[in-house]
Amino acid sequence: MKQRITVSKASITETKLQLEVSEPLTGLIPTGQILVDSDQYSFIYLMEAEEDYTYIVLPELTWSVLKSGLDQSLPVTLMGPDQEVELVQFYDELDYIINNIKGNSNYGKEMVVKVEEIF
C-alpha cells in the first residue's frame, strides 16, 4: 500500500509556498507529478521512495493558499520534521490538472465545482 502523507498546513512566506507535514521526508524524491483524488477532494503530489511511491495529499483546505502561490509563481517547499524538499514542476502540473478538471464531469460534479470555485 502506498504511504499517504497529508499536508497539515499551507502558508506563504515572502519567498515561497510552504507545505507542512508531520512525517519525516528522508529518502523521498520529488517526481514533478500531480494526481487527483476526486473522492477525497484532494490533489496528490507523487514522491518516489526506494521501491514505491509516497502520496503527498493536498486536501481542499490548502487550495486557497495553493492558488495564491500559483498566482505569485513562488517556489513550493515541503517541510517535514527532518528536512525541507522543493517540489519540482509543481505549478506546471497543478495548472494542467486544474485546466483538465474545469468543466470535466469525469472528476465528479462536486470536485469540478470545488476546483472552479477556488481556481
PDB file of N, CA and C in Angstrom:
ATOM      1  N   MET A   1       0.835  -1.185   0.000  1.00  0.00           N
ATOM      2  CA  MET A   1       0.000   0.000   0.000  1.00  0.00           C
ATOM      3  C   MET A   1       0.873   1.240   0.000  1.00  0.00           C
ATOM      4  N   LYS A   2       0.493   2.210  -0.772  1.00  0.00           N
ATOM      5  CA  LYS A   2       1.228   3.457  -0.857  1.00  0.00           C
ATOM      6  C   LYS A   2       1.086   4.232   0.444  1.00  0.00           C
ATOM      7  N   GLN A   3       2.185   4.844   0.873  1.00  0.00           N
ATOM      8  CA  GLN A   3       2.122   5.689   2.055  1.00  0.00           C
ATOM      9  C   GLN A   3       1.494   7.015   1.662  1.00  0.00           C
ATOM     10  N   ARG A   4       0.621   7.523   2.519  1.00  0.00           N
ATOM     11  CA  ARG A   4      -0.030   8.817   2.298  1.00  0.00           C
ATOM     12  C   ARG A   4       0.400   9.753   3.412  1.00  0.00           C
ATOM     13  N   ILE A   5       0.928  10.905   3.030  1.00  0.00           N
ATOM     14  CA  ILE A   5       1.308  11.939   3.991  1.00  0.00           C
ATOM     15  C   ILE A   5       0.452  13.156   3.673  1.00  0.00           C
ATOM     16  N   THR A   6      -0.352  13.587   4.636  1.00  0.00           N
ATOM     17  CA  THR A   6      -1.268  14.699   4.403  1.00  0.00           C
ATOM     18  C   THR A   6      -0.657  16.013   4.860  1.00  0.00           C
ATOM     19  N   VAL A   7      -0.747  17.006   4.000  1.00  0.00           N
ATOM     20  CA  VAL A   7      -0.288  18.348   4.347  1.00  0.00           C
ATOM     21  C   VAL A   7      -1.240  18.911   5.391  1.00  0.00           C
ATOM     22  N   SER A   8      -0.675  19.306   6.532  1.00  0.00           N
ATOM     23  CA  SER A   8      -1.499  19.822   7.630  1.00  0.00           C
ATOM     24  C   SER A   8      -1.631  21.341   7.601  1.00  0.00           C
ATOM     25  N   LYS A   9      -0.671  21.997   6.944  1.00  0.00           N
ATOM     26  CA  LYS A   9      -0.706  23.461   6.893  1.00  0.00           C
ATOM     27  C   LYS A   9      -0.014  23.943   5.618  1.00  0.00           C
ATOM     28  N   ALA A  10      -0.626  24.927   4.986  1.00  0.00           N
ATOM     29  CA  ALA A  10      -0.024  25.581   3.813  1.00  0.00           C
ATOM     30  C   ALA A  10       0.043  27.068   4.114  1.00  0.00           C
ATOM     31  N   SER A  11       1.204  27.666   3.846  1.00  0.00           N
ATOM     32  CA  SER A  11       1.363  29.094   4.106  1.00  0.00           C
ATOM     33  C   SER A  11       2.314  29.697   3.084  1.00  0.00           C
ATOM     34  N   ILE A  12       2.231  31.008   2.985  1.00  0.00           N
ATOM     35  CA  ILE A  12       3.105  31.731   2.063  1.00  0.00           C
ATOM     36  C   ILE A  12       4.012  32.646   2.864  1.00  0.00           C
ATOM     37  N   THR A  13       5.314  32.539   2.593  1.00  0.00           N
ATOM     38  CA  THR A  13       6.277  33.455   3.178  1.00  0.00           C
ATOM     39  C   THR A  13       6.623  34.480   2.098  1.00  0.00           C
ATOM     40  N   GLU A  14       7.590  35.313   2.345  1.00  0.00           N
ATOM     41  CA  GLU A  14       7.990  36.300   1.333  1.00  0.00           C
ATOM     42  C   GLU A  14       8.576  35.648   0.097  1.00  0.00           C
ATOM     43  N   THR A  15       9.132  34.450   0.249  1.00  0.00           N
ATOM     44  CA  THR A  15       9.871  33.848  -0.858  1.00  0.00           C
ATOM     45  C   THR A  15       9.358  32.504  -1.347  1.00  0.00           C
ATOM     46  N   LYS A  16       8.373  31.901  -0.654  1.00  0.00           N
ATOM     47  CA  LYS A  16       7.949  30.560  -1.076  1.00  0.00           C
ATOM     48  C   LYS A  16       6.572  30.191  -0.537  1.00  0.00           C
ATOM     49  N   LEU A  17       6.009  29.161  -1.152  1.00  0.00           N
ATOM     50  CA  LEU A  17       4.813  28.497  -0.649  1.00  0.00           C
ATOM     51  C   LEU A  17       5.315  27.310   0.157  1.00  0.00           C
ATOM     52  N   GLN A  18       4.904  27.239   1.405  1.00  0.00           N
ATOM     53  CA  GLN A  18       5.409  26.217   2.309  1.00  0.00           C
ATOM     54  C   GLN A  18       4.282  25.264   2.692  1.00  0.00           C
ATOM     55  N   LEU A  19       4.515  23.974   2.482  1.00  0.00           N
ATOM     56  CA  LEU A  19       3.555  22.928   2.834  1.00  0.00           C
ATOM     57  C   LEU A  19       4.146  22.120   3.981  1.00  0.00           C
ATOM     58  N   GLU A  20       3.421  22.011   5.080  1.00  0.00           N
ATOM     59  CA  GLU A  20       3.956  21.348   6.268  1.00  0.00           C
ATOM     60  C   GLU A  20       3.315  19.990   6.490  1.00  0.00           C
ATOM     61  N   VAL A  21       4.160  19.016   6.849  1.00  0.00           N
ATOM     62  CA  VAL A  21       3.718  17.673   7.199  1.00  0.00           C
ATOM     63  C   VAL A  21       4.407  17.254   8.496  1.00  0.00           C
ATOM     64  N   SER A  22       3.841  16.267   9.172  1.00  0.00           N
ATOM     65  CA  SER A  22       4.427  15.829  10.442  1.00  0.00           C
ATOM     66  C   SER A  22       5.308  14.591  10.296  1.00  0.00           C
ATOM     67  N   GLU A  23       5.287  13.949   9.138  1.00  0.00           N
ATOM     68  CA  GLU A  23       6.079  12.753   8.913  1.00  0.00           C
ATOM     69  C   GLU A  23       7.440  13.107   8.310  1.00  0.00           C
ATOM     70  N   PRO A  24       8.478  12.295   8.586  1.00  0.00           N
ATOM     71  CA  PRO A  24       9.802  12.545   8.006  1.00  0.00           C
ATOM     72  C   PRO A  24       9.795  12.364   6.485  1.00  0.00           C
ATOM     73  N   LEU A  25      10.681  13.090   5.827  1.00  0.00           N
ATOM     74  CA  LEU A  25      10.761  13.069   4.368  1.00  0.00           C
ATOM     75  C   LEU A  25      12.028  12.396   3.851  1.00  0.00           C
ATOM     76  N   THR A  26      12.821  11.857   4.734  1.00  0.00           N
ATOM     77  CA  THR A  26      14.079  11.221   4.352  1.00  0.00           C
ATOM     78  C   THR A  26      13.846  10.143   3.303  1.00  0.00           C
ATOM     79  N   GLY A  27      14.622  10.212   2.233  1.00  0.00           N
ATOM     80  CA  GLY A  27      14.549   9.209   1.179  1.00  0.00           C
ATOM     81  C   GLY A  27      13.484   9.453   0.131  1.00  0.00           C
ATOM     82  N   LEU A  28      12.703  10.526   0.275  1.00  0.00           N
ATOM     83  CA  LEU A  28      11.662  10.825  -0.712  1.00  0.00           C
ATOM     84  C   LEU A  28      12.187  11.798  -1.755  1.00  0.00           C
ATOM     85  N   ILE A  29      11.922  11.475  -3.011  1.00  0.00           N
ATOM     86  CA  ILE A  29      12.405  12.288  -4.135  1.00  0.00           C
ATOM     87  C   ILE A  29      11.211  12.798  -4.926  1.00  0.00           C
ATOM     88  N   PRO A  30      11.120  14.118  -5.147  1.00  0.00           N
ATOM     89  CA  PRO A  30      10.004  14.680  -5.910  1.00  0.00           C
ATOM     90  C   PRO A  30       9.978  14.159  -7.344  1.00  0.00           C
ATOM     91  N   THR A  31       8.787  13.858  -7.843  1.00  0.00           N
ATOM     92  CA  THR A  31       8.653  13.358  -9.216  1.00  0.00           C
ATOM     93  C   THR A  31       8.186  14.425 -10.197  1.00  0.00           C
ATOM     94  N   GLY A  32       7.582  15.499  -9.674  1.00  0.00           N
ATOM     95  CA  GLY A  32       7.027  16.504 -10.566  1.00  0.00           C
ATOM     96  C   GLY A  32       5.678  16.105 -11.133  1.00  0.00           C
ATOM     97  N   GLN A  33       5.004  15.147 -10.513  1.00  0.00           N
ATOM     98  CA  GLN A  33       3.707  14.685 -10.999  1.00  0.00           C
ATOM     99  C   GLN A  33       2.626  14.909  -9.949  1.00  0.00           C
ATOM    100  N   ILE A  34       1.455  15.339 -10.409  1.00  0.00           N
ATOM    101  CA  ILE A  34       0.306  15.516  -9.530  1.00  0.00           C
ATOM    102  C   ILE A  34      -0.863  14.701 -10.065  1.00  0.00           C
ATOM    103  N   LEU A  35      -1.528  14.003  -9.158  1.00  0.00           N
ATOM    104  CA  LEU A  35      -2.727  13.226  -9.463  1.00  0.00           C
ATOM    105  C   LEU A  35      -3.914  13.880  -8.769  1.00  0.00           C
ATOM    106  N   VAL A  36      -5.099  13.347  -9.028  1.00  0.00           N
ATOM    107  CA  VAL A  36      -6.315  13.858  -8.415  1.00  0.00           C
ATOM    108  C   VAL A  36      -7.006  12.726  -7.658  1.00  0.00           C
ATOM    109  N   ASP A  37      -7.447  13.025  -6.437  1.00  0.00           N
ATOM    110  CA  ASP A  37      -8.293  12.110  -5.681  1.00  0.00           C
ATOM    111  C   ASP A  37      -9.641  12.809  -5.539  1.00  0.00           C
ATOM    112  N   SER A  38     -10.514  12.593  -6.515  1.00  0.00           N
ATOM    113  CA  SER A  38     -11.787  13.315  -6.522  1.00  0.00           C
ATOM    114  C   SER A  38     -12.745  12.811  -5.448  1.00  0.00           C
ATOM    115  N   ASP A  39     -12.528  11.603  -4.918  1.00  0.00           N
ATOM    116  CA  ASP A  39     -13.362  11.102  -3.822  1.00  0.00           C
ATOM    117  C   ASP A  39     -13.067  11.858  -2.524  1.00  0.00           C
ATOM    118  N   GLN A  40     -11.808  12.219  -2.323  1.00  0.00           N
ATOM    119  CA  GLN A  40     -11.394  12.916  -1.095  1.00  0.00           C
ATOM    120  C   GLN A  40     -11.184  14.414  -1.322  1.00  0.00           C
ATOM    121  N   TYR A  41     -11.488  14.912  -2.524  1.00  0.00           N
ATOM    122  CA  TYR A  41     -11.296  16.315  -2.881  1.00  0.00           C
ATOM    123  C   TYR A  41      -9.869  16.758  -2.542  1.00  0.00           C
ATOM    124  N   SER A  42      -8.911  16.054  -3.149  1.00  0.00           N
ATOM    125  CA  SER A  42      -7.503  16.318  -2.888  1.00  0.00           C
ATOM    126  C   SER A  42      -6.697  16.220  -4.169  1.00  0.00           C
ATOM    127  N   PHE A  43      -5.573  16.945  -4.160  1.00  0.00           N
ATOM    128  CA  PHE A  43      -4.539  16.738  -5.158  1.00  0.00           C
ATOM    129  C   PHE A  43      -3.467  15.890  -4.486  1.00  0.00           C
ATOM    130  N   ILE A  44      -2.774  15.080  -5.272  1.00  0.00           N
ATOM    131  CA  ILE A  44      -1.743  14.187  -4.748  1.00  0.00           C
ATOM    132  C   ILE A  44      -0.438  14.480  -5.491  1.00  0.00           C
ATOM    133  N   TYR A  45       0.579  14.939  -4.765  1.00  0.00           N
ATOM    134  CA  TYR A  45       1.907  15.116  -5.356  1.00  0.00           C
ATOM    135  C   TYR A  45       2.674  13.820  -5.105  1.00  0.00           C
ATOM    136  N   LEU A  46       3.243  13.242  -6.166  1.00  0.00           N
ATOM    137  CA  LEU A  46       3.968  11.976  -6.045  1.00  0.00           C
ATOM    138  C   LEU A  46       5.423  12.197  -5.659  1.00  0.00           C
ATOM    139  N   MET A  47       5.863  11.416  -4.681  1.00  0.00           N
ATOM    140  CA  MET A  47       7.268  11.377  -4.281  1.00  0.00           C
ATOM    141  C   MET A  47       7.737   9.938  -4.437  1.00  0.00           C
ATOM    142  N   GLU A  48       8.931   9.757  -4.963  1.00  0.00           N
ATOM    143  CA  GLU A  48       9.486   8.411  -5.094  1.00  0.00           C
ATOM    144  C   GLU A  48      10.152   8.012  -3.785  1.00  0.00           C
ATOM    145  N   ALA A  49       9.878   6.805  -3.368  1.00  0.00           N
ATOM    146  CA  ALA A  49      10.590   6.196  -2.250  1.00  0.00           C
ATOM    147  C   ALA A  49      11.433   5.074  -2.852  1.00  0.00           C
ATOM    148  N   GLU A  50      12.098   4.298  -2.056  1.00  0.00           N
ATOM    149  CA  GLU A  50      13.003   3.267  -2.574  1.00  0.00           C
ATOM    150  C   GLU A  50      12.366   2.376  -3.632  1.00  0.00           C
ATOM    151  N   GLU A  51      11.263   1.739  -3.296  1.00  0.00           N
ATOM    152  CA  GLU A  51      10.654   0.807  -4.237  1.00  0.00           C
ATOM    153  C   GLU A  51       9.198   1.124  -4.523  1.00  0.00           C
ATOM    154  N   ASP A  52       8.732   2.283  -4.096  1.00  0.00           N
ATOM    155  CA  ASP A  52       7.323   2.609  -4.238  1.00  0.00           C
ATOM    156  C   ASP A  52       7.166   4.123  -4.285  1.00  0.00           C
ATOM    157  N   TYR A  53       5.945   4.573  -4.360  1.00  0.00           N
ATOM    158  CA  TYR A  53       5.646   5.994  -4.319  1.00  0.00           C
ATOM    159  C   TYR A  53       5.030   6.359  -2.970  1.00  0.00           C
ATOM    160  N   THR A  54       5.226   7.592  -2.578  1.00  0.00           N
ATOM    161  CA  THR A  54       4.544   8.157  -1.425  1.00  0.00           C
ATOM    162  C   THR A  54       3.665   9.271  -1.942  1.00  0.00           C
ATOM    163  N   TYR A  55       2.429   9.297  -1.478  1.00  0.00           N
ATOM    164  CA  TYR A  55       1.481  10.324  -1.880  1.00  0.00           C
ATOM    165  C   TYR A  55       1.511  11.477  -0.881  1.00  0.00           C
ATOM    166  N   ILE A  56       1.774  12.676  -1.373  1.00  0.00           N
ATOM    167  CA  ILE A  56       1.662  13.875  -0.554  1.00  0.00           C
ATOM    168  C   ILE A  56       0.275  14.437  -0.847  1.00  0.00           C
ATOM    169  N   VAL A  57      -0.612  14.346   0.129  1.00  0.00           N
ATOM    170  CA  VAL A  57      -2.014  14.700  -0.049  1.00  0.00           C
ATOM    171  C   VAL A  57      -2.220  16.185   0.243  1.00  0.00           C
ATOM    172  N   LEU A  58      -2.791  16.883  -0.738  1.00  0.00           N
ATOM    173  CA  LEU A  58      -3.093  18.311  -0.619  1.00  0.00           C
ATOM    174  C   LEU A  58      -4.609  18.455  -0.538  1.00  0.00           C
ATOM    175  N   PRO A  59      -5.152  18.433   0.687  1.00  0.00           N
ATOM    176  CA  PRO A  59      -6.604  18.486   0.842  1.00  0.00           C
ATOM    177  C   PRO A  59      -7.176  19.851   0.465  1.00  0.00           C
ATOM    178  N   GLU A  60      -8.473  19.876   0.305  1.00  0.00           N
ATOM    179  CA  GLU A  60      -9.173  21.088  -0.116  1.00  0.00           C
ATOM    180  C   GLU A  60      -8.842  22.297   0.759  1.00  0.00           C
ATOM    181  N   LEU A  61      -8.613  22.098   2.042  1.00  0.00           N
ATOM    182  CA  LEU A  61      -8.329  23.232   2.921  1.00  0.00           C
ATOM    183  C   LEU A  61      -7.035  23.967   2.557  1.00  0.00           C
ATOM    184  N   THR A  62      -6.183  23.366   1.745  1.00  0.00           N
ATOM    185  CA  THR A  62      -4.941  24.024   1.316  1.00  0.00           C
ATOM    186  C   THR A  62      -5.090  24.761  -0.017  1.00  0.00           C
ATOM    187  N   TRP A  63      -6.194  24.562  -0.709  1.00  0.00           N
ATOM    188  CA  TRP A  63      -6.318  25.044  -2.082  1.00  0.00           C
ATOM    189  C   TRP A  63      -6.237  26.551  -2.238  1.00  0.00           C
ATOM    190  N   SER A  64      -6.813  27.305  -1.331  1.00  0.00           N
ATOM    191  CA  SER A  64      -6.759  28.773  -1.488  1.00  0.00           C
ATOM    192  C   SER A  64      -5.325  29.276  -1.386  1.00  0.00           C
ATOM    193  N   VAL A  65      -4.512  28.637  -0.547  1.00  0.00           N
ATOM    194  CA  VAL A  65      -3.098  29.013  -0.443  1.00  0.00           C
ATOM    195  C   VAL A  65      -2.350  28.562  -1.705  1.00  0.00           C
ATOM    196  N   LEU A  66      -2.693  27.388  -2.216  1.00  0.00           N
ATOM    197  CA  LEU A  66      -2.081  26.928  -3.474  1.00  0.00           C
ATOM    198  C   LEU A  66      -2.377  27.911  -4.596  1.00  0.00           C
ATOM    199  N   LYS A  67      -3.601  28.407  -4.638  1.00  0.00           N
ATOM    200  CA  LYS A  67      -4.000  29.380  -5.658  1.00  0.00           C
ATOM    201  C   LYS A  67      -3.167  30.654  -5.544  1.00  0.00           C
ATOM    202  N   SER A  68      -2.954  31.149  -4.321  1.00  0.00           N
ATOM    203  CA  SER A  68      -2.125  32.339  -4.116  1.00  0.00           C
ATOM    204  C   SER A  68      -0.696  32.096  -4.559  1.00  0.00           C
ATOM    205  N   GLY A  69      -0.152  30.942  -4.211  1.00  0.00           N
ATOM    206  CA  GLY A  69       1.207  30.596  -4.635  1.00  0.00           C
ATOM    207  C   GLY A  69       1.316  30.484  -6.138  1.00  0.00           C
ATOM    208  N   LEU A  70       0.311  29.897  -6.767  1.00  0.00           N
ATOM    209  CA  LEU A  70       0.263  29.771  -8.225  1.00  0.00           C
ATOM    210  C   LEU A  70       0.246  31.157  -8.869  1.00  0.00           C
ATOM    211  N   ASP A  71      -0.586  32.053  -8.338  1.00  0.00           N
ATOM    212  CA  ASP A  71      -0.683  33.409  -8.879  1.00  0.00           C
ATOM    213  C   ASP A  71       0.637  34.167  -8.766  1.00  0.00           C
ATOM    214  N   GLN A  72       1.417  33.880  -7.717  1.00  0.00           N
ATOM    215  CA  GLN A  72       2.682  34.581  -7.484  1.00  0.00           C
ATOM    216  C   GLN A  72       3.898  33.820  -8.018  1.00  0.00           C
ATOM    217  N   SER A  73       3.694  32.606  -8.512  1.00  0.00           N
ATOM    218  CA  SER A  73       4.776  31.744  -9.009  1.00  0.00           C
ATOM    219  C   SER A  73       5.895  31.553  -7.993  1.00  0.00           C
ATOM    220  N   LEU A  74       5.524  31.349  -6.742  1.00  0.00           N
ATOM    221  CA  LEU A  74       6.505  31.135  -5.684  1.00  0.00           C
ATOM    222  C   LEU A  74       6.998  29.687  -5.685  1.00  0.00           C
ATOM    223  N   PRO A  75       8.270  29.461  -5.370  1.00  0.00           N
ATOM    224  CA  PRO A  75       8.750  28.085  -5.234  1.00  0.00           C
ATOM    225  C   PRO A  75       7.942  27.362  -4.152  1.00  0.00           C
ATOM    226  N   VAL A  76       7.759  26.053  -4.315  1.00  0.00           N
ATOM    227  CA  VAL A  76       6.977  25.263  -3.362  1.00  0.00           C
ATOM    228  C   VAL A  76       7.922  24.332  -2.613  1.00  0.00           C
ATOM    229  N   THR A  77       7.858  24.414  -1.275  1.00  0.00           N
ATOM    230  CA  THR A  77       8.673  23.520  -0.462  1.00  0.00           C
ATOM    231  C   THR A  77       7.785  22.703   0.465  1.00  0.00           C
ATOM    232  N   LEU A  78       8.188  21.467   0.653  1.00  0.00           N
ATOM    233  CA  LEU A  78       7.527  20.566   1.586  1.00  0.00           C
ATOM    234  C   LEU A  78       8.398  20.503   2.832  1.00  0.00           C
ATOM    235  N   MET A  79       7.813  20.860   3.977  1.00  0.00           N
ATOM    236  CA  MET A  79       8.548  20.909   5.244  1.00  0.00           C
ATOM    237  C   MET A  79       8.141  19.739   6.122  1.00  0.00           C
ATOM    238  N   GLY A  80       9.110  18.881   6.416  1.00  0.00           N
ATOM    239  CA  GLY A  80       8.889  17.797   7.365  1.00  0.00           C
ATOM    240  C   GLY A  80       9.685  18.085   8.623  1.00  0.00           C
ATOM    241  N   PRO A  81       9.572  17.232   9.632  1.00  0.00           N
ATOM    242  CA  PRO A  81      10.326  17.460  10.862  1.00  0.00           C
ATOM    243  C   PRO A  81      11.829  17.277  10.677  1.00  0.00           C
ATOM    244  N   ASP A  82      12.222  16.588   9.606  1.00  0.00           N
ATOM    245  CA  ASP A  82      13.630  16.287   9.399  1.00  0.00           C
ATOM    246  C   ASP A  82      14.292  17.094   8.289  1.00  0.00           C
ATOM    247  N   GLN A  83      13.519  17.600   7.338  1.00  0.00           N
ATOM    248  CA  GLN A  83      14.114  18.336   6.225  1.00  0.00           C
ATOM    249  C   GLN A  83      13.063  19.082   5.413  1.00  0.00           C
ATOM    250  N   GLU A  84      13.572  19.888   4.486  1.00  0.00           N
ATOM    251  CA  GLU A  84      12.742  20.658   3.562  1.00  0.00           C
ATOM    252  C   GLU A  84      13.090  20.197   2.153  1.00  0.00           C
ATOM    253  N   VAL A  85      12.055  19.960   1.321  1.00  0.00           N
ATOM    254  CA  VAL A  85      12.265  19.482  -0.040  1.00  0.00           C
ATOM    255  C   VAL A  85      11.499  20.383  -0.995  1.00  0.00           C
ATOM    256  N   GLU A  86      12.164  20.836  -2.064  1.00  0.00           N
ATOM    257  CA  GLU A  86      11.462  21.620  -3.072  1.00  0.00           C
ATOM    258  C   GLU A  86      10.689  20.680  -3.985  1.00  0.00           C
ATOM    259  N   LEU A  87       9.427  21.019  -4.244  1.00  0.00           N
ATOM    260  CA  LEU A  87       8.575  20.199  -5.106  1.00  0.00           C
ATOM    261  C   LEU A  87       8.669  20.729  -6.537  1.00  0.00           C
ATOM    262  N   VAL A  88       9.427  20.030  -7.354  1.00  0.00           N
ATOM    263  CA  VAL A  88       9.696  20.449  -8.726  1.00  0.00           C
ATOM    264  C   VAL A  88       8.451  20.338  -9.589  1.00  0.00           C
ATOM    265  N   GLN A  89       8.353  21.206 -10.580  1.00  0.00           N
ATOM    266  CA  GLN A  89       7.268  21.226 -11.569  1.00  0.00           C
ATOM    267  C   GLN A  89       5.883  21.303 -10.943  1.00  0.00           C
ATOM    268  N   PHE A  90       5.786  21.803  -9.730  1.00  0.00           N
ATOM    269  CA  PHE A  90       4.525  21.815  -9.000  1.00  0.00           C
ATOM    270  C   PHE A  90       3.461  22.614  -9.747  1.00  0.00           C
ATOM    271  N   TYR A  91       3.758  23.842 -10.130  1.00  0.00           N
ATOM    272  CA  TYR A  91       2.740  24.695 -10.750  1.00  0.00           C
ATOM    273  C   TYR A  91       2.395  24.263 -12.165  1.00  0.00           C
ATOM    274  N   ASP A  92       3.368  23.763 -12.913  1.00  0.00           N
ATOM    275  CA  ASP A  92       3.064  23.260 -14.263  1.00  0.00           C
ATOM    276  C   ASP A  92       2.038  22.137 -14.179  1.00  0.00           C
ATOM    277  N   GLU A  93       2.273  21.221 -13.256  1.00  0.00           N
ATOM    278  CA  GLU A  93       1.358  20.092 -13.076  1.00  0.00           C
ATOM    279  C   GLU A  93       0.009  20.535 -12.521  1.00  0.00           C
ATOM    280  N   LEU A  94       0.040  21.405 -11.503  1.00  0.00           N
ATOM    281  CA  LEU A  94      -1.200  21.868 -10.895  1.00  0.00           C
ATOM    282  C   LEU A  94      -2.055  22.609 -11.920  1.00  0.00           C
ATOM    283  N   ASP A  95      -1.437  23.472 -12.686  1.00  0.00           N
ATOM    284  CA  ASP A  95      -2.160  24.227 -13.707  1.00  0.00           C
ATOM    285  C   ASP A  95      -2.771  23.280 -14.744  1.00  0.00           C
ATOM    286  N   TYR A  96      -2.014  22.288 -15.159  1.00  0.00           N
ATOM    287  CA  TYR A  96      -2.512  21.305 -16.126  1.00  0.00           C
ATOM    288  C   TYR A  96      -3.724  20.557 -15.561  1.00  0.00           C
ATOM    289  N   ILE A  97      -3.601  20.090 -14.325  1.00  0.00           N
ATOM    290  CA  ILE A  97      -4.683  19.337 -13.680  1.00  0.00           C
ATOM    291  C   ILE A  97      -5.930  20.210 -13.531  1.00  0.00           C
ATOM    292  N   ILE A  98      -5.755  21.436 -13.060  1.00  0.00           N
ATOM    293  CA  ILE A  98      -6.892  22.340 -12.857  1.00  0.00           C
ATOM    294  C   ILE A  98      -7.626  22.579 -14.173  1.00  0.00           C
ATOM    295  N   ASN A  99      -6.868  22.856 -15.224  1.00  0.00           N
ATOM    296  CA  ASN A  99      -7.494  23.099 -16.531  1.00  0.00           C
ATOM    297  C   ASN A  99      -8.195  21.856 -17.062  1.00  0.00           C
ATOM    298  N   ASN A 100      -7.693  20.684 -16.706  1.00  0.00           N
ATOM    299  CA  ASN A 100      -8.318  19.437 -17.131  1.00  0.00           C
ATOM    300  C   ASN A 100      -9.611  19.166 -16.350  1.00  0.00           C
ATOM    301  N   ILE A 101      -9.657  19.586 -15.096  1.00  0.00           N
ATOM    302  CA  ILE A 101     -10.831  19.348 -14.250  1.00  0.00           C
ATOM    303  C   ILE A 101     -11.987  20.284 -14.611  1.00  0.00           C
ATOM    304  N   LYS A 102     -11.677  21.540 -14.891  1.00  0.00           N
ATOM    305  CA  LYS A 102     -12.728  22.533 -15.145  1.00  0.00           C
ATOM    306  C   LYS A 102     -13.658  22.063 -16.260  1.00  0.00           C
ATOM    307  N   GLY A 103     -14.939  21.964 -15.911  1.00  0.00           N
ATOM    308  CA  GLY A 103     -15.948  21.564 -16.885  1.00  0.00           C
ATOM    309  C   GLY A 103     -15.926  20.098 -17.271  1.00  0.00           C
ATOM    310  N   ASN A 104     -15.120  19.277 -16.581  1.00  0.00           N
ATOM    311  CA  ASN A 104     -14.960  17.876 -16.942  1.00  0.00           C
ATOM    312  C   ASN A 104     -15.662  16.991 -15.912  1.00  0.00           C
ATOM    313  N   SER A 105     -16.821  16.491 -16.248  1.00  0.00           N
ATOM    314  CA  SER A 105     -17.615  15.704 -15.305  1.00  0.00           C
ATOM    315  C   SER A 105     -16.985  14.356 -14.951  1.00  0.00           C
ATOM    316  N   ASN A 106     -15.926  13.961 -15.653  1.00  0.00           N
ATOM    317  CA  ASN A 106     -15.245  12.703 -15.318  1.00  0.00           C
ATOM    318  C   ASN A 106     -14.678  12.721 -13.899  1.00  0.00           C
ATOM    319  N   TYR A 107     -14.429  13.918 -13.350  1.00  0.00           N
ATOM    320  CA  TYR A 107     -13.886  14.046 -11.995  1.00  0.00           C
ATOM    321  C   TYR A 107     -14.990  14.112 -10.942  1.00  0.00           C
ATOM    322  N   GLY A 108     -16.223  14.076 -11.366  1.00  0.00           N
ATOM    323  CA  GLY A 108     -17.355  14.189 -10.445  1.00  0.00           C
ATOM    324  C   GLY A 108     -17.777  15.642 -10.313  1.00  0.00           C
ATOM    325  N   LYS A 109     -19.074  15.839 -10.279  1.00  0.00           N
ATOM    326  CA  LYS A 109     -19.628  17.197 -10.259  1.00  0.00           C
ATOM    327  C   LYS A 109     -19.101  18.019  -9.090  1.00  0.00           C
ATOM    328  N   GLU A 110     -19.077  17.421  -7.903  1.00  0.00           N
ATOM    329  CA  GLU A 110     -18.651  18.154  -6.706  1.00  0.00           C
ATOM    330  C   GLU A 110     -17.183  18.600  -6.800  1.00  0.00           C
ATOM    331  N   MET A 111     -16.314  17.730  -7.312  1.00  0.00           N
ATOM    332  CA  MET A 111     -14.899  18.085  -7.480  1.00  0.00           C
ATOM    333  C   MET A 111     -14.762  19.241  -8.462  1.00  0.00           C
ATOM    334  N   VAL A 112     -15.484  19.174  -9.557  1.00  0.00           N
ATOM    335  CA  VAL A 112     -15.440  20.239 -10.569  1.00  0.00           C
ATOM    336  C   VAL A 112     -15.877  21.568  -9.952  1.00  0.00           C
ATOM    337  N   VAL A 113     -16.976  21.547  -9.209  1.00  0.00           N
ATOM    338  CA  VAL A 113     -17.486  22.777  -8.571  1.00  0.00           C
ATOM    339  C   VAL A 113     -16.456  23.337  -7.602  1.00  0.00           C
ATOM    340  N   LYS A 114     -15.870  22.489  -6.771  1.00  0.00           N
ATOM    341  CA  LYS A 114     -14.890  22.945  -5.781  1.00  0.00           C
ATOM    342  C   LYS A 114     -13.659  23.560  -6.448  1.00  0.00           C
ATOM    343  N   VAL A 115     -13.172  22.922  -7.498  1.00  0.00           N
ATOM    344  CA  VAL A 115     -11.991  23.432  -8.205  1.00  0.00           C
ATOM    345  C   VAL A 115     -12.328  24.761  -8.899  1.00  0.00           C
ATOM    346  N   GLU A 116     -13.480  24.810  -9.549  1.00  0.00           N
ATOM    347  CA  GLU A 116     -13.858  26.043 -10.247  1.00  0.00           C
ATOM    348  C   GLU A 116     -14.059  27.208  -9.281  1.00  0.00           C
ATOM    349  N   GLU A 117     -14.546  26.941  -8.064  1.00  0.00           N
ATOM    350  CA  GLU A 117     -14.750  27.997  -7.075  1.00  0.00           C
ATOM    351  C   GLU A 117     -13.428  28.630  -6.631  1.00  0.00           C
ATOM    352  N   ILE A 118     -12.403  27.825  -6.483  1.00  0.00           N
ATOM    353  CA  ILE A 118     -11.129  28.329  -5.935  1.00  0.00           C
ATOM    354  C   ILE A 118     -10.154  28.737  -7.026  1.00  0.00           C
ATOM    355  N   PHE A 119     -10.077  27.958  -8.093  1.00  0.00           N
ATOM    356  CA  PHE A 119      -9.071  28.221  -9.116  1.00  0.00           C
ATOM    357  C   PHE A 119      -9.679  28.907 -10.331  1.00  0.00           C
TER     358      PHE A 119
END
